[in-house]
N, C-alpha and C. Protein backbone atom coordinates (compact mmCIF):
# COMPACT_ATOMS: atom_id res chain seq x y z
N LEU A 1 111.57 135.75 73.25
CA LEU A 1 112.77 134.91 72.35
C LEU A 1 114.27 135.64 72.71
N PRO A 2 114.94 135.20 72.70
CA PRO A 2 116.89 136.00 72.43
C PRO A 2 116.77 136.43 71.42
N CYS A 3 117.15 137.99 72.06
CA CYS A 3 118.19 138.64 70.20
C CYS A 3 119.00 138.92 70.61
N HIS A 4 119.76 138.22 69.51
CA HIS A 4 121.00 138.62 69.37
C HIS A 4 121.66 139.05 68.18
N ALA A 5 122.37 140.13 68.25
CA ALA A 5 123.18 140.64 67.32
C ALA A 5 124.87 141.54 67.67
N GLU A 6 125.16 141.87 66.72
CA GLU A 6 126.90 141.57 66.86
C GLU A 6 126.94 143.55 66.02
N GLY A 7 127.90 144.08 66.28
CA GLY A 7 127.95 145.16 65.52
C GLY A 7 129.21 146.30 66.00
N ASP A 8 129.43 147.04 65.53
CA ASP A 8 130.58 148.14 65.98
C ASP A 8 130.05 149.71 66.09
N PRO A 9 129.30 150.85 67.14
CA PRO A 9 129.77 150.04 68.45
C PRO A 9 128.54 148.82 68.73
N VAL A 10 128.14 148.04 69.59
CA VAL A 10 127.13 146.74 70.40
C VAL A 10 126.14 147.37 69.70
N PRO A 11 125.34 147.04 68.60
CA PRO A 11 123.95 147.05 68.87
C PRO A 11 123.18 146.88 70.84
N THR A 12 122.19 148.01 70.46
CA THR A 12 121.03 146.89 71.85
C THR A 12 119.98 146.56 70.99
N THR A 13 119.18 145.15 71.54
CA THR A 13 118.03 144.59 70.78
C THR A 13 117.05 144.61 71.42
N ARG A 14 116.22 143.92 70.98
CA ARG A 14 114.56 144.25 71.16
C ARG A 14 113.79 142.68 70.78
N CYS A 15 113.01 142.62 71.34
CA CYS A 15 112.39 141.41 70.15
C CYS A 15 111.41 141.69 71.08
N ALA A 16 110.40 141.50 69.67
CA ALA A 16 108.48 142.22 70.33
C ALA A 16 107.42 141.07 69.00
N ARG A 17 106.63 140.95 69.63
CA ARG A 17 105.59 140.23 68.70
C ARG A 17 104.97 141.11 68.34
N ASP A 18 104.87 140.94 66.63
CA ASP A 18 104.13 142.07 66.00
C ASP A 18 103.23 142.52 66.57
N GLY A 19 102.94 143.88 66.43
CA GLY A 19 102.09 144.67 66.89
C GLY A 19 101.24 144.22 68.53
N GLY A 20 102.63 143.80 69.36
CA GLY A 20 102.83 144.04 70.44
C GLY A 20 104.11 145.25 70.98
N THR A 21 104.25 144.82 72.23
CA THR A 21 105.46 145.39 72.85
C THR A 21 106.40 144.61 72.89
N PRO A 22 107.81 144.52 73.66
CA PRO A 22 109.08 143.53 73.97
C PRO A 22 108.49 142.65 74.97
N GLY A 23 109.26 141.63 74.79
CA GLY A 23 108.78 141.19 76.41
C GLY A 23 109.87 141.27 76.84
N ASP A 24 109.84 140.39 78.37
CA ASP A 24 110.88 140.71 79.79
C ASP A 24 111.60 139.86 79.56
N GLY A 25 111.37 138.76 78.95
CA GLY A 25 112.19 137.83 79.09
C GLY A 25 112.59 137.16 80.13
N ASP A 26 111.07 136.89 81.31
CA ASP A 26 111.19 136.27 82.10
C ASP A 26 111.06 135.10 82.26
N GLY A 27 111.66 134.21 80.98
CA GLY A 27 111.23 132.72 81.02
C GLY A 27 110.11 132.10 81.26
N ARG A 28 109.32 132.87 81.36
CA ARG A 28 107.88 131.98 81.97
C ARG A 28 107.64 130.86 80.29
N ILE A 29 106.43 130.25 80.70
CA ILE A 29 106.21 128.41 80.19
C ILE A 29 105.65 129.62 79.18
N VAL A 30 105.50 128.91 77.71
CA VAL A 30 104.24 129.94 76.91
C VAL A 30 103.51 128.45 76.23
N SER A 31 102.01 128.83 75.66
CA SER A 31 100.91 128.42 75.02
C SER A 31 101.23 128.88 73.85
N ARG A 32 100.09 127.65 73.20
CA ARG A 32 99.70 128.04 71.69
C ARG A 32 99.52 129.54 71.52
N GLY A 33 98.40 130.29 72.72
CA GLY A 33 98.76 131.50 72.12
C GLY A 33 99.50 132.29 72.50
N ASP A 34 100.67 132.30 72.34
CA ASP A 34 101.77 132.38 72.22
C ASP A 34 102.81 132.59 70.43
N ALA A 35 102.03 131.95 70.09
CA ALA A 35 102.37 131.70 68.51
C ALA A 35 102.22 132.68 67.86
N GLY A 36 102.94 133.07 66.83
CA GLY A 36 102.49 134.66 66.05
C GLY A 36 103.85 134.81 65.51
N SER A 37 103.47 136.00 64.87
CA SER A 37 105.45 136.53 64.03
C SER A 37 105.45 137.76 65.71
N TYR A 38 107.29 137.23 65.21
CA TYR A 38 108.08 138.07 66.38
C TYR A 38 109.37 138.75 65.29
N THR A 39 109.67 139.81 65.34
CA THR A 39 110.81 140.84 64.81
C THR A 39 111.74 141.43 66.01
N CYS A 40 112.78 140.75 66.13
CA CYS A 40 114.09 141.32 66.61
C CYS A 40 114.67 142.33 65.70
N THR A 41 115.05 143.51 66.85
CA THR A 41 115.53 144.66 66.11
C THR A 41 116.87 145.18 66.66
N ALA A 42 118.03 145.40 66.04
CA ALA A 42 118.93 145.56 66.27
C ALA A 42 119.45 147.19 65.99
N THR A 43 119.48 147.90 67.20
CA THR A 43 120.20 149.45 66.50
C THR A 43 121.63 149.79 67.45
N ASN A 44 121.85 150.43 66.50
CA ASN A 44 123.48 151.58 66.82
C ASN A 44 123.47 152.58 66.23
N LYS A 45 124.37 153.62 66.07
CA LYS A 45 124.56 154.63 65.53
C LYS A 45 124.61 155.05 64.23
N HIS A 46 124.61 153.47 63.18
CA HIS A 46 124.59 153.42 61.97
C HIS A 46 123.45 153.24 61.84
N GLY A 47 122.45 152.44 62.42
CA GLY A 47 121.81 152.62 61.78
C GLY A 47 120.49 151.22 62.37
N SER A 48 119.95 150.82 61.81
CA SER A 48 119.00 149.50 62.14
C SER A 48 118.65 147.89 61.45
N ALA A 49 118.86 147.20 62.07
CA ALA A 49 118.69 145.69 61.21
C ALA A 49 117.36 145.07 62.03
N ARG A 50 116.35 144.86 60.89
CA ARG A 50 115.45 143.87 61.64
C ARG A 50 115.05 142.63 61.24
N ARG A 51 114.63 141.29 61.83
CA ARG A 51 114.83 140.03 61.55
C ARG A 51 113.28 139.84 61.90
N SER A 52 112.97 138.81 61.12
CA SER A 52 110.97 138.33 61.82
C SER A 52 110.62 136.75 61.49
N VAL A 53 110.40 135.90 62.60
CA VAL A 53 110.11 134.99 62.61
C VAL A 53 108.78 134.62 63.04
N TYR A 54 108.08 133.43 62.55
CA TYR A 54 106.91 132.79 62.83
C TYR A 54 107.34 132.05 63.65
N VAL A 55 106.44 131.62 64.95
CA VAL A 55 106.97 130.95 65.82
C VAL A 55 105.66 129.97 66.18
N THR A 56 105.62 128.81 66.03
CA THR A 56 104.19 127.90 66.31
C THR A 56 104.62 127.51 67.42
N VAL A 57 103.99 126.83 68.15
CA VAL A 57 103.70 126.44 69.60
C VAL A 57 103.12 124.91 69.24
N GLU A 58 103.82 124.34 69.89
CA GLU A 58 103.25 122.96 68.88
C GLU A 58 103.02 121.74 70.59
N CYS A 59 103.18 121.92 71.63
CA CYS A 59 102.64 121.39 72.41
C CYS A 59 102.98 122.05 74.15
N GLU A 60 101.98 122.28 75.14
CA GLU A 60 102.30 123.30 76.24
C GLU A 60 102.35 121.73 77.26
N TRP A 61 103.46 122.37 78.11
CA TRP A 61 103.86 121.44 78.84
C TRP A 61 104.44 122.67 80.25
N GLY A 62 104.04 122.21 81.59
CA GLY A 62 104.58 123.37 82.51
C GLY A 62 103.65 123.00 84.01
N ALA A 63 104.17 123.99 84.89
CA ALA A 63 103.58 124.42 85.73
C ALA A 63 101.99 124.24 85.36
N GLY A 64 101.09 123.38 86.01
CA GLY A 64 99.55 123.79 85.78
C GLY A 64 98.67 123.07 84.77
N VAL A 65 99.75 123.00 83.76
CA VAL A 65 99.27 122.73 82.30
C VAL A 65 99.53 121.15 81.79
N PRO A 66 98.53 120.23 82.14
CA PRO A 66 99.24 118.86 81.40
C PRO A 66 99.76 119.12 80.10
N TRP A 67 100.18 118.05 79.72
CA TRP A 67 101.05 117.33 78.50
C TRP A 67 99.83 117.89 77.48
N SER A 68 100.06 118.63 76.99
CA SER A 68 99.23 118.96 75.56
C SER A 68 99.79 118.84 74.16
N CYS A 69 99.58 118.19 73.33
CA CYS A 69 100.23 118.09 71.70
C CYS A 69 98.83 118.26 70.96
């Protein structure tokens, strides 16, 4: 998931599935197994801020995957 934050100085950001490691932003096709809670963390010298979202994957569609909703 893209993670965007603004600040001064500009913060570094990372997005990770809760309990997992940060994604590499490879733009891969997602599946229902990717559903879950994700947290975006922005950090600079003044501290950190976090925002969590729950992602639901309703349809799978892509290379080698028949349309499935």
